[in-house]
Every structure is written in C-alpha cells, then in structure tokens.
C-alpha cells in the first residue's frame, strides 16, 4: 500500500530521498579523482542549466508593457528625482539661513562647498 502524501511516513521517505540525492550530488561534485576519468570538474545539472539559460536569454523575450514601463519609472526615475529635489531644497534652506543670519559664519559647516 502506498502512503498518502500527507502522512508522516511519506514525509520522512521524501526527506530521506532528498538527503540521499543531496549526498550523491555532493559526492560527485567534490570527488578529487574525477579529473583522471576525463570528466573534468564539471557536473551537468539540467536545472542549473535551465536557470542559467533563462538568465542569459531573458532580454530576448522581454516585452515592454505599461506595467513594466511604470515599474521602471517608479524604481529608477522617481528616487533620482526625489533625491535631487531633496538636495535642492536642503541647499536652499541652508543658504536662506546663512543670508538671514540665523547661522553664524563661525558655526557654518560648509558641507555644500
């Protein structure tokens, strides 16, 4: 009888299988005698290959949509514009305080030289 997927036995069996697969992968990766068999230091993993191929070809399949354009604008242009605005207003406040005499010349930090 096969155990159902939620039973503790099935969970333990899957964990044991995962552990055995991980142990075998680590053994193959770290085998110091692999170079003698002509295999070299590379172990082909299809999942890693799919991931790397996806990362390399992602720009080939990118399609600009209103959502991606909005995300690009919000994540790139808005922070830069906000930072520039903050620097400008901070500088103007500092200069206004210096001109009105609220900050003495000796107390100025000259952070905007």
PDB file of N, CA and C in Angstrom:
ATOM      1  N   UNK A   1       0.849  -1.182   0.000  1.00  0.00           N
ATOM      2  CA  UNK A   1       0.000   0.000   0.000  1.00  0.00           C
ATOM      3  C   UNK A   1       0.891   1.240   0.000  1.00  0.00           C
ATOM      4  N   UNK A   2       0.509   2.157  -0.808  1.00  0.00           N
ATOM      5  CA  UNK A   2       1.261   3.416  -0.873  1.00  0.00           C
ATOM      6  C   UNK A   2       0.728   4.369   0.184  1.00  0.00           C
ATOM      7  N   UNK A   3       1.635   5.048   0.849  1.00  0.00           N
ATOM      8  CA  UNK A   3       1.236   6.018   1.866  1.00  0.00           C
ATOM      9  C   UNK A   3       0.755   7.285   1.178  1.00  0.00           C
ATOM     10  N   UNK A   4      -0.273   7.908   1.756  1.00  0.00           N
ATOM     11  CA  UNK A   4      -0.750   9.155   1.147  1.00  0.00           C
ATOM     12  C   UNK A   4       0.274  10.260   1.369  1.00  0.00           C
ATOM     13  N   UNK A   5       0.167  11.342   0.587  1.00  0.00           N
ATOM     14  CA  UNK A   5       1.214  12.360   0.559  1.00  0.00           C
ATOM     15  C   UNK A   5       1.322  13.155   1.853  1.00  0.00           C
ATOM     16  N   UNK A   6       0.304  13.111   2.701  1.00  0.00           N
ATOM     17  CA  UNK A   6       0.355  13.900   3.920  1.00  0.00           C
ATOM     18  C   UNK A   6       0.755  13.118   5.148  1.00  0.00           C
ATOM     19  N   UNK A   7       0.917  11.808   5.022  1.00  0.00           N
ATOM     20  CA  UNK A   7       1.234  11.002   6.193  1.00  0.00           C
ATOM     21  C   UNK A   7       2.679  11.236   6.622  1.00  0.00           C
ATOM     22  N   UNK A   8       2.940  11.041   7.908  1.00  0.00           N
ATOM     23  CA  UNK A   8       4.308  11.230   8.411  1.00  0.00           C
ATOM     24  C   UNK A   8       5.319  10.302   7.737  1.00  0.00           C
ATOM     25  N   UNK A   9       4.887   9.081   7.372  1.00  0.00           N
ATOM     26  CA  UNK A   9       5.803   8.146   6.711  1.00  0.00           C
ATOM     27  C   UNK A   9       6.227   8.670   5.350  1.00  0.00           C
ATOM     28  N   UNK A  10       5.276   9.224   4.591  1.00  0.00           N
ATOM     29  CA  UNK A  10       5.586   9.754   3.261  1.00  0.00           C
ATOM     30  C   UNK A  10       6.508  10.963   3.363  1.00  0.00           C
ATOM     31  N   UNK A  11       6.278  11.789   4.367  1.00  0.00           N
ATOM     32  CA  UNK A  11       7.136  12.961   4.565  1.00  0.00           C
ATOM     33  C   UNK A  11       8.555  12.513   4.895  1.00  0.00           C
ATOM     34  N   UNK A  12       8.690  11.519   5.745  1.00  0.00           N
ATOM     35  CA  UNK A  12      10.013  11.012   6.109  1.00  0.00           C
ATOM     36  C   UNK A  12      10.701  10.335   4.926  1.00  0.00           C
ATOM     37  N   UNK A  13       9.932   9.626   4.109  1.00  0.00           N
ATOM     38  CA  UNK A  13      10.509   8.983   2.925  1.00  0.00           C
ATOM     39  C   UNK A  13      11.024  10.041   1.939  1.00  0.00           C
ATOM     40  N   UNK A  14      10.243  11.091   1.718  1.00  0.00           N
ATOM     41  CA  UNK A  14      10.684  12.157   0.803  1.00  0.00           C
ATOM     42  C   UNK A  14      11.916  12.863   1.347  1.00  0.00           C
ATOM     43  N   UNK A  15      11.956  13.087   2.658  1.00  0.00           N
ATOM     44  CA  UNK A  15      13.127  13.727   3.268  1.00  0.00           C
ATOM     45  C   UNK A  15      14.357  12.842   3.118  1.00  0.00           C
ATOM     46  N   UNK A  16      14.194  11.530   3.315  1.00  0.00           N
ATOM     47  CA  UNK A  16      15.317  10.605   3.171  1.00  0.00           C
ATOM     48  C   UNK A  16      15.797  10.565   1.723  1.00  0.00           C
ATOM     49  N   UNK A  17      14.866  10.578   0.771  1.00  0.00           N
ATOM     50  CA  UNK A  17      15.236  10.585  -0.642  1.00  0.00           C
ATOM     51  C   UNK A  17      15.972  11.871  -1.002  1.00  0.00           C
ATOM     52  N   UNK A  18      15.475  13.011  -0.530  1.00  0.00           N
ATOM     53  CA  UNK A  18      16.149  14.291  -0.771  1.00  0.00           C
ATOM     54  C   UNK A  18      17.558  14.288  -0.196  1.00  0.00           C
ATOM     55  N   UNK A  19      17.699  13.735   0.997  1.00  0.00           N
ATOM     56  CA  UNK A  19      19.004  13.679   1.649  1.00  0.00           C
ATOM     57  C   UNK A  19      19.967  12.789   0.865  1.00  0.00           C
ATOM     58  N   UNK A  20      19.473  11.666   0.362  1.00  0.00           N
ATOM     59  CA  UNK A  20      20.318  10.754  -0.414  1.00  0.00           C
ATOM     60  C   UNK A  20      20.745  11.397  -1.734  1.00  0.00           C
ATOM     61  N   UNK A  21      19.837  12.082  -2.391  1.00  0.00           N
ATOM     62  CA  UNK A  21      20.174  12.760  -3.647  1.00  0.00           C
ATOM     63  C   UNK A  21      21.186  13.862  -3.399  1.00  0.00           C
ATOM     64  N   UNK A  22      21.002  14.611  -2.331  1.00  0.00           N
ATOM     65  CA  UNK A  22      21.945  15.683  -1.994  1.00  0.00           C
ATOM     66  C   UNK A  22      23.319  15.105  -1.679  1.00  0.00           C
ATOM     67  N   UNK A  23      23.361  14.013  -0.928  1.00  0.00           N
ATOM     68  CA  UNK A  23      24.628  13.380  -0.581  1.00  0.00           C
ATOM     69  C   UNK A  23      25.350  12.896  -1.843  1.00  0.00           C
ATOM     70  N   UNK A  24      24.619  12.292  -2.781  1.00  0.00           N
ATOM     71  CA  UNK A  24      25.222  11.810  -4.030  1.00  0.00           C
ATOM     72  C   UNK A  24      25.750  12.977  -4.863  1.00  0.00           C
ATOM     73  N   UNK A  25      25.005  14.065  -4.925  1.00  0.00           N
ATOM     74  CA  UNK A  25      25.446  15.244  -5.678  1.00  0.00           C
ATOM     75  C   UNK A  25      26.726  15.819  -5.073  1.00  0.00           C
ATOM     76  N   UNK A  26      26.755  15.946  -3.757  1.00  0.00           N
ATOM     77  CA  UNK A  26      27.954  16.466  -3.090  1.00  0.00           C
ATOM     78  C   UNK A  26      29.151  15.533  -3.315  1.00  0.00           C
ATOM     79  N   UNK A  27      28.912  14.225  -3.300  1.00  0.00           N
ATOM     80  CA  UNK A  27      29.984  13.267  -3.518  1.00  0.00           C
ATOM     81  C   UNK A  27      30.546  13.409  -4.932  1.00  0.00           C
ATOM     82  N   UNK A  28      29.685  13.584  -5.922  1.00  0.00           N
ATOM     83  CA  UNK A  28      30.141  13.736  -7.298  1.00  0.00           C
ATOM     84  C   UNK A  28      30.862  15.064  -7.514  1.00  0.00           C
ATOM     85  N   UNK A  29      30.378  16.117  -6.903  1.00  0.00           N
ATOM     86  CA  UNK A  29      30.987  17.440  -7.078  1.00  0.00           C
ATOM     87  C   UNK A  29      32.382  17.486  -6.470  1.00  0.00           C
ATOM     88  N   UNK A  30      32.568  16.889  -5.310  1.00  0.00           N
ATOM     89  CA  UNK A  30      33.820  17.007  -4.569  1.00  0.00           C
ATOM     90  C   UNK A  30      34.746  15.803  -4.727  1.00  0.00           C
ATOM     91  N   UNK A  31      34.545  15.009  -5.746  1.00  0.00           N
ATOM     92  CA  UNK A  31      35.393  13.839  -5.973  1.00  0.00           C
ATOM     93  C   UNK A  31      36.748  14.294  -6.514  1.00  0.00           C
ATOM     94  N   UNK A  32      37.855  14.104  -5.768  1.00  0.00           N
ATOM     95  CA  UNK A  32      39.158  14.586  -6.232  1.00  0.00           C
ATOM     96  C   UNK A  32      39.733  13.758  -7.378  1.00  0.00           C
ATOM     97  N   UNK A  33      39.211  12.567  -7.646  1.00  0.00           N
ATOM     98  CA  UNK A  33      39.754  11.697  -8.682  1.00  0.00           C
ATOM     99  C   UNK A  33      38.972  11.784  -9.989  1.00  0.00           C
ATOM    100  N   UNK A  34      38.059  12.697 -10.091  1.00  0.00           N
ATOM    101  CA  UNK A  34      37.233  12.805 -11.291  1.00  0.00           C
ATOM    102  C   UNK A  34      38.038  13.255 -12.497  1.00  0.00           C
ATOM    103  N   UNK A  35      39.095  14.054 -12.283  1.00  0.00           N
ATOM    104  CA  UNK A  35      39.881  14.547 -13.411  1.00  0.00           C
ATOM    105  C   UNK A  35      40.582  13.405 -14.147  1.00  0.00           C
ATOM    106  N   UNK A  36      40.861  12.312 -13.462  1.00  0.00           N
ATOM    107  CA  UNK A  36      41.531  11.183 -14.092  1.00  0.00           C
ATOM    108  C   UNK A  36      40.635  10.431 -15.054  1.00  0.00           C
ATOM    109  N   UNK A  37      39.350  10.514 -14.882  1.00  0.00           N
ATOM    110  CA  UNK A  37      38.424   9.811 -15.765  1.00  0.00           C
ATOM    111  C   UNK A  37      38.110  10.612 -17.016  1.00  0.00           C
ATOM    112  N   UNK A  38      38.697  11.801 -17.147  1.00  0.00           N
ATOM    113  CA  UNK A  38      38.439  12.637 -18.318  1.00  0.00           C
ATOM    114  C   UNK A  38      37.155  13.431 -18.194  1.00  0.00           C
ATOM    115  N   UNK A  39      36.512  13.332 -17.064  1.00  0.00           N
ATOM    116  CA  UNK A  39      35.244  14.022 -16.873  1.00  0.00           C
ATOM    117  C   UNK A  39      35.442  15.493 -16.550  1.00  0.00           C
ATOM    118  N   UNK A  40      36.551  15.830 -15.975  1.00  0.00           N
ATOM    119  CA  UNK A  40      36.803  17.223 -15.634  1.00  0.00           C
ATOM    120  C   UNK A  40      36.106  17.615 -14.358  1.00  0.00           C
ATOM    121  N   UNK A  41      36.061  18.895 -14.091  1.00  0.00           N
ATOM    122  CA  UNK A  41      35.482  19.379 -12.853  1.00  0.00           C
ATOM    123  C   UNK A  41      34.056  19.843 -12.997  1.00  0.00           C
ATOM    124  N   UNK A  42      33.376  19.415 -14.050  1.00  0.00           N
ATOM    125  CA  UNK A  42      32.017  19.902 -14.301  1.00  0.00           C
ATOM    126  C   UNK A  42      31.020  18.777 -14.106  1.00  0.00           C
ATOM    127  N   UNK A  43      29.964  19.053 -13.379  1.00  0.00           N
ATOM    128  CA  UNK A  43      28.868  18.109 -13.213  1.00  0.00           C
ATOM    129  C   UNK A  43      27.633  18.751 -13.804  1.00  0.00           C
ATOM    130  N   UNK A  44      27.069  18.173 -14.837  1.00  0.00           N
ATOM    131  CA  UNK A  44      25.933  18.766 -15.531  1.00  0.00           C
ATOM    132  C   UNK A  44      24.672  18.591 -14.698  1.00  0.00           C
ATOM    133  N   UNK A  45      24.034  19.696 -14.410  1.00  0.00           N
ATOM    134  CA  UNK A  45      22.765  19.693 -13.694  1.00  0.00           C
ATOM    135  C   UNK A  45      21.743  20.384 -14.591  1.00  0.00           C
ATOM    136  N   UNK A  46      20.736  19.674 -15.075  1.00  0.00           N
ATOM    137  CA  UNK A  46      19.771  20.272 -16.008  1.00  0.00           C
ATOM    138  C   UNK A  46      19.032  21.469 -15.426  1.00  0.00           C
ATOM    139  N   UNK A  47      18.733  21.438 -14.135  1.00  0.00           N
ATOM    140  CA  UNK A  47      18.002  22.555 -13.533  1.00  0.00           C
ATOM    141  C   UNK A  47      18.860  23.815 -13.515  1.00  0.00           C
ATOM    142  N   UNK A  48      20.137  23.672 -13.180  1.00  0.00           N
ATOM    143  CA  UNK A  48      21.041  24.823 -13.179  1.00  0.00           C
ATOM    144  C   UNK A  48      21.222  25.337 -14.596  1.00  0.00           C
ATOM    145  N   UNK A  49      21.316  24.431 -15.577  1.00  0.00           N
ATOM    146  CA  UNK A  49      21.473  24.834 -16.970  1.00  0.00           C
ATOM    147  C   UNK A  49      20.245  25.604 -17.452  1.00  0.00           C
ATOM    148  N   UNK A  50      19.060  25.155 -17.096  1.00  0.00           N
ATOM    149  CA  UNK A  50      17.838  25.882 -17.478  1.00  0.00           C
ATOM    150  C   UNK A  50      17.817  27.270 -16.868  1.00  0.00           C
ATOM    151  N   UNK A  51      18.220  27.369 -15.591  1.00  0.00           N
ATOM    152  CA  UNK A  51      18.239  28.667 -14.917  1.00  0.00           C
ATOM    153  C   UNK A  51      19.227  29.614 -15.583  1.00  0.00           C
ATOM    154  N   UNK A  52      20.440  29.124 -15.864  1.00  0.00           N
ATOM    155  CA  UNK A  52      21.446  29.967 -16.490  1.00  0.00           C
ATOM    156  C   UNK A  52      21.018  30.382 -17.902  1.00  0.00           C
ATOM    157  N   UNK A  53      20.412  29.486 -18.640  1.00  0.00           N
ATOM    158  CA  UNK A  53      19.919  29.825 -19.975  1.00  0.00           C
ATOM    159  C   UNK A  53      18.822  30.872 -19.893  1.00  0.00           C
ATOM    160  N   UNK A  54      17.955  30.754 -18.895  1.00  0.00           N
ATOM    161  CA  UNK A  54      16.891  31.740 -18.714  1.00  0.00           C
ATOM    162  C   UNK A  54      17.483  33.116 -18.418  1.00  0.00           C
ATOM    163  N   UNK A  55      18.511  33.174 -17.554  1.00  0.00           N
ATOM    164  CA  UNK A  55      19.115  34.457 -17.206  1.00  0.00           C
ATOM    165  C   UNK A  55      19.781  35.115 -18.415  1.00  0.00           C
ATOM    166  N   UNK A  56      20.417  34.312 -19.275  1.00  0.00           N
ATOM    167  CA  UNK A  56      21.130  34.849 -20.428  1.00  0.00           C
ATOM    168  C   UNK A  56      20.153  35.345 -21.487  1.00  0.00           C
ATOM    169  N   UNK A  57      19.060  34.639 -21.710  1.00  0.00           N
ATOM    170  CA  UNK A  57      18.153  34.981 -22.803  1.00  0.00           C
ATOM    171  C   UNK A  57      16.942  35.790 -22.350  1.00  0.00           C
ATOM    172  N   UNK A  58      16.940  36.273 -21.119  1.00  0.00           N
ATOM    173  CA  UNK A  58      15.746  36.995 -20.641  1.00  0.00           C
ATOM    174  C   UNK A  58      15.488  38.272 -21.431  1.00  0.00           C
ATOM    175  N   UNK A  59      16.543  38.952 -21.893  1.00  0.00           N
ATOM    176  CA  UNK A  59      16.330  40.186 -22.656  1.00  0.00           C
ATOM    177  C   UNK A  59      15.781  39.904 -24.046  1.00  0.00           C
ATOM    178  N   UNK A  60      16.028  38.716 -24.588  1.00  0.00           N
ATOM    179  CA  UNK A  60      15.494  38.376 -25.907  1.00  0.00           C
ATOM    180  C   UNK A  60      13.977  38.258 -25.884  1.00  0.00           C
ATOM    181  N   UNK A  61      13.434  37.878 -24.753  1.00  0.00           N
ATOM    182  CA  UNK A  61      11.995  37.641 -24.657  1.00  0.00           C
ATOM    183  C   UNK A  61      11.264  38.715 -23.855  1.00  0.00           C
ATOM    184  N   UNK A  62      11.960  39.794 -23.495  1.00  0.00           N
ATOM    185  CA  UNK A  62      11.326  40.860 -22.730  1.00  0.00           C
ATOM    186  C   UNK A  62      10.374  41.640 -23.622  1.00  0.00           C
ATOM    187  N   UNK A  63       9.200  41.918 -23.110  1.00  0.00           N
ATOM    188  CA  UNK A  63       8.212  42.699 -23.851  1.00  0.00           C
ATOM    189  C   UNK A  63       7.812  43.888 -22.980  1.00  0.00           C
ATOM    190  N   UNK A  64       8.013  45.085 -23.510  1.00  0.00           N
ATOM    191  CA  UNK A  64       7.658  46.279 -22.755  1.00  0.00           C
ATOM    192  C   UNK A  64       6.141  46.411 -22.708  1.00  0.00           C
ATOM    193  N   UNK A  65       5.628  46.548 -21.508  1.00  0.00           N
ATOM    194  CA  UNK A  65       4.193  46.738 -21.296  1.00  0.00           C
ATOM    195  C   UNK A  65       4.021  47.978 -20.436  1.00  0.00           C
ATOM    196  N   UNK A  66       2.800  48.479 -20.318  1.00  0.00           N
ATOM    197  CA  UNK A  66       2.603  49.629 -19.429  1.00  0.00           C
ATOM    198  C   UNK A  66       3.054  49.347 -17.996  1.00  0.00           C
ATOM    199  N   UNK A  67       2.873  48.129 -17.535  1.00  0.00           N
ATOM    200  CA  UNK A  67       3.272  47.792 -16.171  1.00  0.00           C
ATOM    201  C   UNK A  67       4.790  47.847 -16.013  1.00  0.00           C
ATOM    202  N   UNK A  68       5.539  47.257 -16.969  1.00  0.00           N
ATOM    203  CA  UNK A  68       6.996  47.282 -16.857  1.00  0.00           C
ATOM    204  C   UNK A  68       7.535  48.698 -17.024  1.00  0.00           C
ATOM    205  N   UNK A  69       6.877  49.488 -17.867  1.00  0.00           N
ATOM    206  CA  UNK A  69       7.305  50.883 -18.017  1.00  0.00           C
ATOM    207  C   UNK A  69       7.065  51.660 -16.735  1.00  0.00           C
ATOM    208  N   UNK A  70       5.922  51.447 -16.109  1.00  0.00           N
ATOM    209  CA  UNK A  70       5.615  52.118 -14.848  1.00  0.00           C
ATOM    210  C   UNK A  70       6.591  51.677 -13.753  1.00  0.00           C
ATOM    211  N   UNK A  71       6.873  50.385 -13.690  1.00  0.00           N
ATOM    212  CA  UNK A  71       7.826  49.898 -12.695  1.00  0.00           C
ATOM    213  C   UNK A  71       9.207  50.502 -12.912  1.00  0.00           C
ATOM    214  N   UNK A  72       9.644  50.577 -14.157  1.00  0.00           N
ATOM    215  CA  UNK A  72      10.932  51.187 -14.445  1.00  0.00           C
ATOM    216  C   UNK A  72      10.966  52.644 -14.042  1.00  0.00           C
ATOM    217  N   UNK A  73       9.874  53.349 -14.316  1.00  0.00           N
ATOM    218  CA  UNK A  73       9.794  54.760 -13.949  1.00  0.00           C
ATOM    219  C   UNK A  73       9.816  54.925 -12.435  1.00  0.00           C
ATOM    220  N   UNK A  74       9.016  54.128 -11.737  1.00  0.00           N
ATOM    221  CA  UNK A  74       8.906  54.253 -10.279  1.00  0.00           C
ATOM    222  C   UNK A  74      10.207  53.844  -9.584  1.00  0.00           C
ATOM    223  N   UNK A  75      10.882  52.825 -10.103  1.00  0.00           N
ATOM    224  CA  UNK A  75      12.080  52.327  -9.439  1.00  0.00           C
ATOM    225  C   UNK A  75      13.358  53.049  -9.856  1.00  0.00           C
ATOM    226  N   UNK A  76      13.339  53.790 -10.974  1.00  0.00           N
ATOM    227  CA  UNK A  76      14.558  54.451 -11.437  1.00  0.00           C
ATOM    228  C   UNK A  76      14.441  55.970 -11.416  1.00  0.00           C
ATOM    229  N   UNK A  77      13.391  56.514 -11.998  1.00  0.00           N
ATOM    230  CA  UNK A  77      13.287  57.962 -12.164  1.00  0.00           C
ATOM    231  C   UNK A  77      12.815  58.641 -10.885  1.00  0.00           C
ATOM    232  N   UNK A  78      11.812  58.094 -10.234  1.00  0.00           N
ATOM    233  CA  UNK A  78      11.241  58.736  -9.044  1.00  0.00           C
ATOM    234  C   UNK A  78      12.268  58.862  -7.909  1.00  0.00           C
ATOM    235  N   UNK A  79      13.021  57.830  -7.552  1.00  0.00           N
ATOM    236  CA  UNK A  79      14.016  58.018  -6.482  1.00  0.00           C
ATOM    237  C   UNK A  79      15.088  59.049  -6.838  1.00  0.00           C
ATOM    238  N   UNK A  80      15.547  59.043  -8.093  1.00  0.00           N
ATOM    239  CA  UNK A  80      16.561  60.006  -8.514  1.00  0.00           C
ATOM    240  C   UNK A  80      16.007  61.429  -8.451  1.00  0.00           C
ATOM    241  N   UNK A  81      14.794  61.629  -8.960  1.00  0.00           N
ATOM    242  CA  UNK A  81      14.186  62.959  -8.933  1.00  0.00           C
ATOM    243  C   UNK A  81      13.914  63.399  -7.491  1.00  0.00           C
ATOM    244  N   UNK A  82      13.462  62.478  -6.655  1.00  0.00           N
ATOM    245  CA  UNK A  82      13.220  62.805  -5.251  1.00  0.00           C
ATOM    246  C   UNK A  82      14.492  63.197  -4.523  1.00  0.00           C
ATOM    247  N   UNK A  83      15.566  62.483  -4.784  1.00  0.00           N
ATOM    248  CA  UNK A  83      16.851  62.802  -4.148  1.00  0.00           C
ATOM    249  C   UNK A  83      17.359  64.163  -4.618  1.00  0.00           C
ATOM    250  N   UNK A  84      17.226  64.445  -5.914  1.00  0.00           N
ATOM    251  CA  UNK A  84      17.641  65.758  -6.442  1.00  0.00           C
ATOM    252  C   UNK A  84      16.813  66.874  -5.817  1.00  0.00           C
ATOM    253  N   UNK A  85      15.502  66.660  -5.700  1.00  0.00           N
ATOM    254  CA  UNK A  85      14.625  67.674  -5.098  1.00  0.00           C
ATOM    255  C   UNK A  85      15.017  67.902  -3.639  1.00  0.00           C
ATOM    256  N   UNK A  86      15.298  66.821  -2.904  1.00  0.00           N
ATOM    257  CA  UNK A  86      15.682  66.947  -1.507  1.00  0.00           C
ATOM    258  C   UNK A  86      16.993  67.727  -1.371  1.00  0.00           C
ATOM    259  N   UNK A  87      17.988  67.428  -2.211  1.00  0.00           N
ATOM    260  CA  UNK A  87      19.249  68.163  -2.165  1.00  0.00           C
ATOM    261  C   UNK A  87      19.042  69.644  -2.452  1.00  0.00           C
ATOM    262  N   UNK A  88      18.206  69.957  -3.447  1.00  0.00           N
ATOM    263  CA  UNK A  88      17.950  71.342  -3.833  1.00  0.00           C
ATOM    264  C   UNK A  88      17.274  72.108  -2.697  1.00  0.00           C
ATOM    265  N   UNK A  89      16.245  71.526  -2.103  1.00  0.00           N
ATOM    266  CA  UNK A  89      15.529  72.234  -1.031  1.00  0.00           C
ATOM    267  C   UNK A  89      16.403  72.370   0.213  1.00  0.00           C
ATOM    268  N   UNK A  90      17.191  71.359   0.519  1.00  0.00           N
ATOM    269  CA  UNK A  90      18.083  71.434   1.680  1.00  0.00           C
ATOM    270  C   UNK A  90      19.126  72.530   1.472  1.00  0.00           C
ATOM    271  N   UNK A  91      19.662  72.615   0.275  1.00  0.00           N
ATOM    272  CA  UNK A  91      20.645  73.665  -0.036  1.00  0.00           C
ATOM    273  C   UNK A  91      20.013  75.054   0.069  1.00  0.00           C
ATOM    274  N   UNK A  92      18.798  75.186  -0.470  1.00  0.00           N
ATOM    275  CA  UNK A  92      18.120  76.485  -0.413  1.00  0.00           C
ATOM    276  C   UNK A  92      17.828  76.905   1.024  1.00  0.00           C
ATOM    277  N   UNK A  93      17.401  75.970   1.863  1.00  0.00           N
ATOM    278  CA  UNK A  93      17.149  76.286   3.275  1.00  0.00           C
ATOM    279  C   UNK A  93      18.434  76.714   3.975  1.00  0.00           C
ATOM    280  N   UNK A  94      19.529  75.997   3.691  1.00  0.00           N
ATOM    281  CA  UNK A  94      20.812  76.332   4.298  1.00  0.00           C
ATOM    282  C   UNK A  94      21.262  77.730   3.880  1.00  0.00           C
ATOM    283  N   UNK A  95      21.157  78.028   2.591  1.00  0.00           N
ATOM    284  CA  UNK A  95      21.567  79.353   2.111  1.00  0.00           C
ATOM    285  C   UNK A  95      20.674  80.456   2.668  1.00  0.00           C
ATOM    286  N   UNK A  96      19.385  80.178   2.801  1.00  0.00           N
ATOM    287  CA  UNK A  96      18.465  81.186   3.358  1.00  0.00           C
ATOM    288  C   UNK A  96      18.812  81.475   4.820  1.00  0.00           C
ATOM    289  N   UNK A  97      19.137  80.436   5.568  1.00  0.00           N
ATOM    290  CA  UNK A  97      19.518  80.641   6.968  1.00  0.00           C
ATOM    291  C   UNK A  97      20.821  81.419   7.072  1.00  0.00           C
ATOM    292  N   UNK A  98      21.764  81.141   6.163  1.00  0.00           N
ATOM    293  CA  UNK A  98      23.036  81.886   6.170  1.00  0.00           C
ATOM    294  C   UNK A  98      22.808  83.350   5.814  1.00  0.00           C
ATOM    295  N   UNK A  99      21.962  83.640   4.847  1.00  0.00           N
ATOM    296  CA  UNK A  99      21.721  85.008   4.406  1.00  0.00           C
ATOM    297  C   UNK A  99      20.963  85.836   5.429  1.00  0.00           C
ATOM    298  N   UNK A 100      20.078  85.192   6.191  1.00  0.00           N
ATOM    299  CA  UNK A 100      19.301  85.933   7.187  1.00  0.00           C
ATOM    300  C   UNK A 100      20.021  86.021   8.527  1.00  0.00           C
ATOM    301  N   UNK A 101      21.176  85.382   8.652  1.00  0.00           N
ATOM    302  CA  UNK A 101      21.954  85.477   9.875  1.00  0.00           C
ATOM    303  C   UNK A 101      21.548  84.503  10.947  1.00  0.00           C
ATOM    304  N   UNK A 102      20.728  83.510  10.607  1.00  0.00           N
ATOM    305  CA  UNK A 102      20.324  82.515  11.600  1.00  0.00           C
ATOM    306  C   UNK A 102      21.482  81.583  11.955  1.00  0.00           C
ATOM    307  N   UNK A 103      22.428  81.422  11.043  1.00  0.00           N
ATOM    308  CA  UNK A 103      23.617  80.610  11.302  1.00  0.00           C
ATOM    309  C   UNK A 103      24.820  81.538  11.217  1.00  0.00           C
ATOM    310  N   UNK A 104      25.580  81.625  12.315  1.00  0.00           N
ATOM    311  CA  UNK A 104      26.756  82.487  12.338  1.00  0.00           C
ATOM    312  C   UNK A 104      27.822  81.911  11.417  1.00  0.00           C
ATOM    313  N   UNK A 105      28.684  82.778  10.917  1.00  0.00           N
ATOM    314  CA  UNK A 105      29.725  82.340   9.988  1.00  0.00           C
ATOM    315  C   UNK A 105      30.642  81.303  10.638  1.00  0.00           C
ATOM    316  N   UNK A 106      30.953  81.492  11.894  1.00  0.00           N
ATOM    317  CA  UNK A 106      31.832  80.555  12.603  1.00  0.00           C
ATOM    318  C   UNK A 106      31.195  79.193  12.815  1.00  0.00           C
ATOM    319  N   UNK A 107      29.852  79.149  12.848  1.00  0.00           N
ATOM    320  CA  UNK A 107      29.147  77.902  13.101  1.00  0.00           C
ATOM    321  C   UNK A 107      28.809  77.131  11.828  1.00  0.00           C
ATOM    322  N   UNK A 108      29.103  77.666  10.667  1.00  0.00           N
ATOM    323  CA  UNK A 108      28.748  77.005   9.412  1.00  0.00           C
ATOM    324  C   UNK A 108      29.663  75.817   9.183  1.00  0.00           C
ATOM    325  N   UNK A 109      29.082  74.758   8.658  1.00  0.00           N
ATOM    326  CA  UNK A 109      29.843  73.526   8.419  1.00  0.00           C
ATOM    327  C   UNK A 109      30.445  73.484   7.022  1.00  0.00           C
ATOM    328  N   UNK A 110      29.963  74.282   6.117  1.00  0.00           N
ATOM    329  CA  UNK A 110      30.391  74.306   4.730  1.00  0.00           C
ATOM    330  C   UNK A 110      30.322  72.909   4.107  1.00  0.00           C
ATOM    331  N   UNK A 111      29.179  72.280   4.326  1.00  0.00           N
ATOM    332  CA  UNK A 111      29.000  70.946   3.772  1.00  0.00           C
ATOM    333  C   UNK A 111      28.675  70.988   2.276  1.00  0.00           C
ATOM    334  N   UNK A 112      28.363  72.169   1.753  1.00  0.00           N
ATOM    335  CA  UNK A 112      27.990  72.278   0.341  1.00  0.00           C
ATOM    336  C   UNK A 112      29.035  73.048  -0.446  1.00  0.00           C
ATOM    337  N   UNK A 113      30.280  72.793  -0.221  1.00  0.00           N
ATOM    338  CA  UNK A 113      31.337  73.542  -0.916  1.00  0.00           C
ATOM    339  C   UNK A 113      31.529  72.995  -2.292  1.00  0.00           C
TER     340      UNK A 113
END
